[in-house]
Amino acid sequence: MPISTENDPSLPLKERMQNMTVKFDSREEDWGALDFQTKVSPKYKRAQIRYLGGGGTGAHDDPNILQAQNFTLSTMLLPAGCEGPLHIHHDVEEVFFVIQGQVTIFWEENGVEEEVVLGPRDMIFTPAGMYRGLRNDTDGDALMLVMLGAGKPKLPNYPEGSAMDLARKAARGY
């Protein structure tokens, strides 16, 4: 169960502040959160480092995170040559903010794909209902901040019939 973010005014301010603070040294790189994707291809290998909520991976019961109310916040470690596959969140917008390295973000709509390269301190806001993906075309790791606009977003969908769609269905026993 995640750590509560209820602001209890009966507690001293210092205690409430400490309850809402997450330090980097207590974070873990979760390389298994998207393991079903890595089983499709090693190019999908990446780690989620959760802070607030479970993000788009559905890891909402992680006891090491703060419970999200209205948005989630995590970082993603994207190794050189790896990518996050084309997917869609129908229920939430998503923000990618590059901290270190370089990440290519791509959108797809009606068969047309466009991309933009982001470097440190660059960001992109992706509206709900837009197919999006990302990749690291460099020879170094990239680190990015990821925010989703709901406390408990639904799992994303993948293009119908794609390798990811079939892998997700198999992982769920469909």
C-alpha atoms as a PDB file:
ATOM      1  CA  MET A   1       0.000   0.000   0.000  1.00  0.00           C
ATOM      2  CA  PRO A   2       1.416   3.425  -0.901  1.00  0.00           C
ATOM      3  CA  ILE A   3       2.248   6.025   1.726  1.00  0.00           C
ATOM      4  CA  SER A   4      -0.752   8.266   2.408  1.00  0.00           C
ATOM      5  CA  THR A   5      -0.642  11.848   1.197  1.00  0.00           C
ATOM      6  CA  GLU A   6      -3.582  12.902   3.316  1.00  0.00           C
ATOM      7  CA  ASN A   7      -2.738  16.251   4.890  1.00  0.00           C
ATOM      8  CA  ASP A   8      -3.744  15.712   8.516  1.00  0.00           C
ATOM      9  CA  PRO A   9      -3.768  19.189  10.151  1.00  0.00           C
ATOM     10  CA  SER A  10      -3.736  17.573  13.618  1.00  0.00           C
ATOM     11  CA  LEU A  11      -0.108  16.564  13.000  1.00  0.00           C
ATOM     12  CA  PRO A  12       2.733  19.068  13.454  1.00  0.00           C
ATOM     13  CA  LEU A  13       3.778  20.834  10.262  1.00  0.00           C
ATOM     14  CA  LYS A  14       7.278  19.321  10.360  1.00  0.00           C
ATOM     15  CA  GLU A  15       5.875  15.776  10.558  1.00  0.00           C
ATOM     16  CA  ARG A  16       3.454  16.417   7.698  1.00  0.00           C
ATOM     17  CA  MET A  17       6.298  17.826   5.612  1.00  0.00           C
ATOM     18  CA  GLN A  18       8.504  14.804   6.347  1.00  0.00           C
ATOM     19  CA  ASN A  19       5.621  12.459   5.437  1.00  0.00           C
ATOM     20  CA  MET A  20       5.371  14.120   2.015  1.00  0.00           C
ATOM     21  CA  THR A  21       9.112  14.074   1.242  1.00  0.00           C
ATOM     22  CA  VAL A  22      10.687  11.399  -0.964  1.00  0.00           C
ATOM     23  CA  LYS A  23      14.468  11.201  -1.147  1.00  0.00           C
ATOM     24  CA  PHE A  24      16.345   9.833  -4.156  1.00  0.00           C
ATOM     25  CA  ASP A  25      18.369   7.387  -2.064  1.00  0.00           C
ATOM     26  CA  SER A  26      15.155   5.550  -1.131  1.00  0.00           C
ATOM     27  CA  ARG A  27      14.154   4.995  -4.794  1.00  0.00           C
ATOM     28  CA  GLU A  28      14.622   1.766  -6.717  1.00  0.00           C
ATOM     29  CA  GLU A  29      15.017   1.248 -10.445  1.00  0.00           C
ATOM     30  CA  ASP A  30      12.149  -1.065 -11.388  1.00  0.00           C
ATOM     31  CA  TRP A  31      13.331  -2.896 -14.512  1.00  0.00           C
ATOM     32  CA  GLY A  32      10.420  -5.345 -14.243  1.00  0.00           C
ATOM     33  CA  ALA A  33       7.502  -2.888 -14.354  1.00  0.00           C
ATOM     34  CA  LEU A  34       7.332  -3.199 -18.142  1.00  0.00           C
ATOM     35  CA  ASP A  35       8.823  -6.678 -18.400  1.00  0.00           C
ATOM     36  CA  PHE A  36       6.116  -7.955 -20.759  1.00  0.00           C
ATOM     37  CA  GLN A  37       7.431  -5.427 -23.295  1.00  0.00           C
ATOM     38  CA  THR A  38      11.047  -6.547 -22.853  1.00  0.00           C
ATOM     39  CA  LYS A  39       9.905 -10.108 -23.580  1.00  0.00           C
ATOM     40  CA  VAL A  40       8.702  -8.900 -27.001  1.00  0.00           C
ATOM     41  CA  SER A  41      12.103  -7.296 -27.689  1.00  0.00           C
ATOM     42  CA  PRO A  42      15.112  -6.255 -25.567  1.00  0.00           C
ATOM     43  CA  LYS A  43      14.903  -2.820 -27.236  1.00  0.00           C
ATOM     44  CA  TYR A  44      11.962  -2.060 -24.900  1.00  0.00           C
ATOM     45  CA  LYS A  45      14.114  -2.355 -21.759  1.00  0.00           C
ATOM     46  CA  ARG A  46      13.781   0.607 -19.397  1.00  0.00           C
ATOM     47  CA  ALA A  47      13.386   1.272 -15.694  1.00  0.00           C
ATOM     48  CA  GLN A  48      10.672   3.193 -13.899  1.00  0.00           C
ATOM     49  CA  ILE A  49      11.693   5.005 -10.699  1.00  0.00           C
ATOM     50  CA  ARG A  50       8.455   5.868  -8.902  1.00  0.00           C
ATOM     51  CA  TYR A  51       7.895   8.786  -6.516  1.00  0.00           C
ATOM     52  CA  LEU A  52       4.194   9.709  -6.585  1.00  0.00           C
ATOM     53  CA  GLY A  53       1.724   7.048  -7.716  1.00  0.00           C
ATOM     54  CA  GLY A  54       2.324   4.099  -9.996  1.00  0.00           C
ATOM     55  CA  GLY A  55       2.267   6.008 -13.270  1.00  0.00           C
ATOM     56  CA  GLY A  56       1.252   4.255 -16.460  1.00  0.00           C
ATOM     57  CA  THR A  57       2.636   0.872 -15.397  1.00  0.00           C
ATOM     58  CA  GLY A  58      -0.177   0.135 -12.965  1.00  0.00           C
ATOM     59  CA  ALA A  59       2.193  -0.325  -9.980  1.00  0.00           C
ATOM     60  CA  HIS A  60      -0.179   1.619  -7.741  1.00  0.00           C
ATOM     61  CA  ASP A  61       0.309  -0.632  -4.677  1.00  0.00           C
ATOM     62  CA  ASP A  62       4.053  -0.020  -4.361  1.00  0.00           C
ATOM     63  CA  PRO A  63       4.621   0.543  -0.596  1.00  0.00           C
ATOM     64  CA  ASN A  64       7.615   2.772  -1.361  1.00  0.00           C
ATOM     65  CA  ILE A  65       5.659   5.536  -3.140  1.00  0.00           C
ATOM     66  CA  LEU A  66       3.484   8.395  -2.049  1.00  0.00           C
ATOM     67  CA  GLN A  67      -0.177   7.859  -2.858  1.00  0.00           C
ATOM     68  CA  ALA A  68      -1.135   9.994  -5.843  1.00  0.00           C
ATOM     69  CA  GLN A  69      -4.218  12.192  -5.717  1.00  0.00           C
ATOM     70  CA  ASN A  70      -4.440  14.079  -9.031  1.00  0.00           C
ATOM     71  CA  PHE A  71      -1.278  13.186 -10.983  1.00  0.00           C
ATOM     72  CA  THR A  72       1.653  10.773 -10.915  1.00  0.00           C
ATOM     73  CA  LEU A  73       5.367  11.538 -11.052  1.00  0.00           C
ATOM     74  CA  SER A  74       8.187   9.142 -11.813  1.00  0.00           C
ATOM     75  CA  THR A  75      11.477   9.102 -13.637  1.00  0.00           C
ATOM     76  CA  MET A  76      12.397   6.714 -16.413  1.00  0.00           C
ATOM     77  CA  LEU A  77      15.857   5.447 -17.201  1.00  0.00           C
ATOM     78  CA  LEU A  78      16.070   4.745 -20.926  1.00  0.00           C
ATOM     79  CA  PRO A  79      19.262   2.895 -21.935  1.00  0.00           C
ATOM     80  CA  ALA A  80      21.075   3.684 -25.171  1.00  0.00           C
ATOM     81  CA  GLY A  81      19.250   2.253 -28.188  1.00  0.00           C
ATOM     82  CA  CYS A  82      16.092   1.411 -26.231  1.00  0.00           C
ATOM     83  CA  GLU A  83      12.560   2.692 -26.648  1.00  0.00           C
ATOM     84  CA  GLY A  84       9.077   2.913 -25.225  1.00  0.00           C
ATOM     85  CA  PRO A  85       6.630   1.537 -27.814  1.00  0.00           C
ATOM     86  CA  LEU A  86       3.796   3.424 -29.440  1.00  0.00           C
ATOM     87  CA  HIS A  87       0.903   3.558 -26.971  1.00  0.00           C
ATOM     88  CA  ILE A  88      -2.109   5.655 -26.051  1.00  0.00           C
ATOM     89  CA  HIS A  89      -3.642   6.891 -22.806  1.00  0.00           C
ATOM     90  CA  HIS A  90      -7.287   7.676 -23.455  1.00  0.00           C
ATOM     91  CA  ASP A  91      -7.867   9.020 -19.938  1.00  0.00           C
ATOM     92  CA  VAL A  92      -4.857  11.251 -19.205  1.00  0.00           C
ATOM     93  CA  GLU A  93      -2.373  13.652 -20.662  1.00  0.00           C
ATOM     94  CA  GLU A  94       1.323  12.837 -20.244  1.00  0.00           C
ATOM     95  CA  VAL A  95       4.406  15.022 -19.850  1.00  0.00           C
ATOM     96  CA  PHE A  96       7.950  13.950 -20.711  1.00  0.00           C
ATOM     97  CA  PHE A  97      10.733  16.164 -19.334  1.00  0.00           C
ATOM     98  CA  VAL A  98      14.318  15.201 -20.156  1.00  0.00           C
ATOM     99  CA  ILE A  99      16.753  15.485 -17.251  1.00  0.00           C
ATOM    100  CA  GLN A 100      19.814  13.886 -18.836  1.00  0.00           C
ATOM    101  CA  GLY A 101      20.669  12.707 -22.335  1.00  0.00           C
ATOM    102  CA  GLN A 102      18.527  12.949 -25.414  1.00  0.00           C
ATOM    103  CA  VAL A 103      15.134  11.366 -26.166  1.00  0.00           C
ATOM    104  CA  THR A 104      13.194  11.264 -29.428  1.00  0.00           C
ATOM    105  CA  ILE A 105       9.437  11.524 -28.854  1.00  0.00           C
ATOM    106  CA  PHE A 106       7.109  10.397 -31.615  1.00  0.00           C
ATOM    107  CA  TRP A 107       3.392  10.847 -32.100  1.00  0.00           C
ATOM    108  CA  GLU A 108       1.146   8.988 -34.534  1.00  0.00           C
ATOM    109  CA  GLU A 109      -2.252  10.070 -35.792  1.00  0.00           C
ATOM    110  CA  ASN A 110      -4.210   8.658 -38.744  1.00  0.00           C
ATOM    111  CA  GLY A 111      -1.125   6.916 -40.114  1.00  0.00           C
ATOM    112  CA  VAL A 112       1.069  10.026 -39.944  1.00  0.00           C
ATOM    113  CA  GLU A 113       4.057   9.937 -37.575  1.00  0.00           C
ATOM    114  CA  GLU A 114       5.981  13.001 -36.416  1.00  0.00           C
ATOM    115  CA  GLU A 115       8.902  13.220 -34.025  1.00  0.00           C
ATOM    116  CA  VAL A 116      10.866  15.733 -32.005  1.00  0.00           C
ATOM    117  CA  VAL A 117      14.228  15.370 -30.257  1.00  0.00           C
ATOM    118  CA  LEU A 118      14.386  16.587 -26.653  1.00  0.00           C
ATOM    119  CA  GLY A 119      17.545  17.370 -24.699  1.00  0.00           C
ATOM    120  CA  PRO A 120      18.132  18.306 -21.050  1.00  0.00           C
ATOM    121  CA  ARG A 121      15.391  20.541 -19.640  1.00  0.00           C
ATOM    122  CA  ASP A 122      13.204  20.146 -22.751  1.00  0.00           C
ATOM    123  CA  MET A 123       9.658  18.826 -22.362  1.00  0.00           C
ATOM    124  CA  ILE A 124       6.634  17.831 -24.346  1.00  0.00           C
ATOM    125  CA  PHE A 125       2.986  17.725 -23.259  1.00  0.00           C
ATOM    126  CA  THR A 126       1.017  14.917 -24.912  1.00  0.00           C
ATOM    127  CA  PRO A 127      -2.780  15.228 -24.868  1.00  0.00           C
ATOM    128  CA  ALA A 128      -5.012  12.329 -23.880  1.00  0.00           C
ATOM    129  CA  GLY A 129      -6.031  10.263 -26.893  1.00  0.00           C
ATOM    130  CA  MET A 130      -2.755  10.775 -28.818  1.00  0.00           C
ATOM    131  CA  TYR A 131      -0.537   7.800 -29.711  1.00  0.00           C
ATOM    132  CA  ARG A 132       2.966   8.434 -28.414  1.00  0.00           C
ATOM    133  CA  GLY A 133       6.271   6.637 -28.011  1.00  0.00           C
ATOM    134  CA  LEU A 134       9.883   7.448 -27.253  1.00  0.00           C
ATOM    135  CA  ARG A 135      13.365   6.200 -27.993  1.00  0.00           C
ATOM    136  CA  ASN A 136      16.967   6.863 -27.146  1.00  0.00           C
ATOM    137  CA  ASP A 137      18.943   7.059 -30.395  1.00  0.00           C
ATOM    138  CA  THR A 138      22.213   7.902 -28.621  1.00  0.00           C
ATOM    139  CA  ASP A 139      25.007   5.758 -27.182  1.00  0.00           C
ATOM    140  CA  GLY A 140      24.392   7.002 -23.608  1.00  0.00           C
ATOM    141  CA  ASP A 141      21.584   6.532 -21.100  1.00  0.00           C
ATOM    142  CA  ALA A 142      18.775   9.080 -20.882  1.00  0.00           C
ATOM    143  CA  LEU A 143      16.836  10.028 -17.759  1.00  0.00           C
ATOM    144  CA  MET A 144      13.461  11.707 -17.945  1.00  0.00           C
ATOM    145  CA  LEU A 145      10.671  12.830 -15.679  1.00  0.00           C
ATOM    146  CA  VAL A 146       7.229  11.438 -16.540  1.00  0.00           C
ATOM    147  CA  MET A 147       3.953  12.898 -15.260  1.00  0.00           C
ATOM    148  CA  LEU A 148       0.468  11.547 -15.913  1.00  0.00           C
ATOM    149  CA  GLY A 149      -2.607  13.663 -15.231  1.00  0.00           C
ATOM    150  CA  ALA A 150      -4.518  11.303 -12.919  1.00  0.00           C
ATOM    151  CA  GLY A 151      -3.814   9.766  -9.538  1.00  0.00           C
ATOM    152  CA  LYS A 152      -4.450   6.257 -10.844  1.00  0.00           C
ATOM    153  CA  PRO A 153      -4.348   6.289 -14.657  1.00  0.00           C
ATOM    154  CA  LYS A 154      -5.677   3.350 -16.631  1.00  0.00           C
ATOM    155  CA  LEU A 155      -3.142   1.116 -18.323  1.00  0.00           C
ATOM    156  CA  PRO A 156      -2.287   2.305 -21.835  1.00  0.00           C
ATOM    157  CA  ASN A 157      -3.459   0.635 -25.024  1.00  0.00           C
ATOM    158  CA  TYR A 158      -1.342  -0.305 -28.014  1.00  0.00           C
ATOM    159  CA  PRO A 159      -2.219  -0.303 -31.718  1.00  0.00           C
ATOM    160  CA  GLU A 160      -4.629  -3.170 -32.362  1.00  0.00           C
ATOM    161  CA  GLY A 161      -2.799  -6.294 -33.513  1.00  0.00           C
ATOM    162  CA  SER A 162       0.676  -4.877 -32.748  1.00  0.00           C
ATOM    163  CA  ALA A 163       3.274  -7.004 -30.951  1.00  0.00           C
ATOM    164  CA  MET A 164       2.649  -4.964 -27.775  1.00  0.00           C
ATOM    165  CA  ASP A 165      -1.122  -5.411 -28.014  1.00  0.00           C
ATOM    166  CA  LEU A 166      -0.706  -9.192 -28.359  1.00  0.00           C
ATOM    167  CA  ALA A 167       1.875  -9.319 -25.531  1.00  0.00           C
ATOM    168  CA  ARG A 168      -0.373  -7.320 -23.169  1.00  0.00           C
ATOM    169  CA  LYS A 169      -3.323  -9.612 -23.960  1.00  0.00           C
ATOM    170  CA  ALA A 170      -1.165 -12.706 -23.383  1.00  0.00           C
ATOM    171  CA  ALA A 171       0.113 -11.297 -20.074  1.00  0.00           C
ATOM    172  CA  ARG A 172      -3.504 -10.771 -19.002  1.00  0.00           C
ATOM    173  CA  GLY A 173      -4.531 -14.253 -20.144  1.00  0.00           C
ATOM    174  CA  TYR A 174      -6.695 -13.145 -23.086  1.00  0.00           C
END
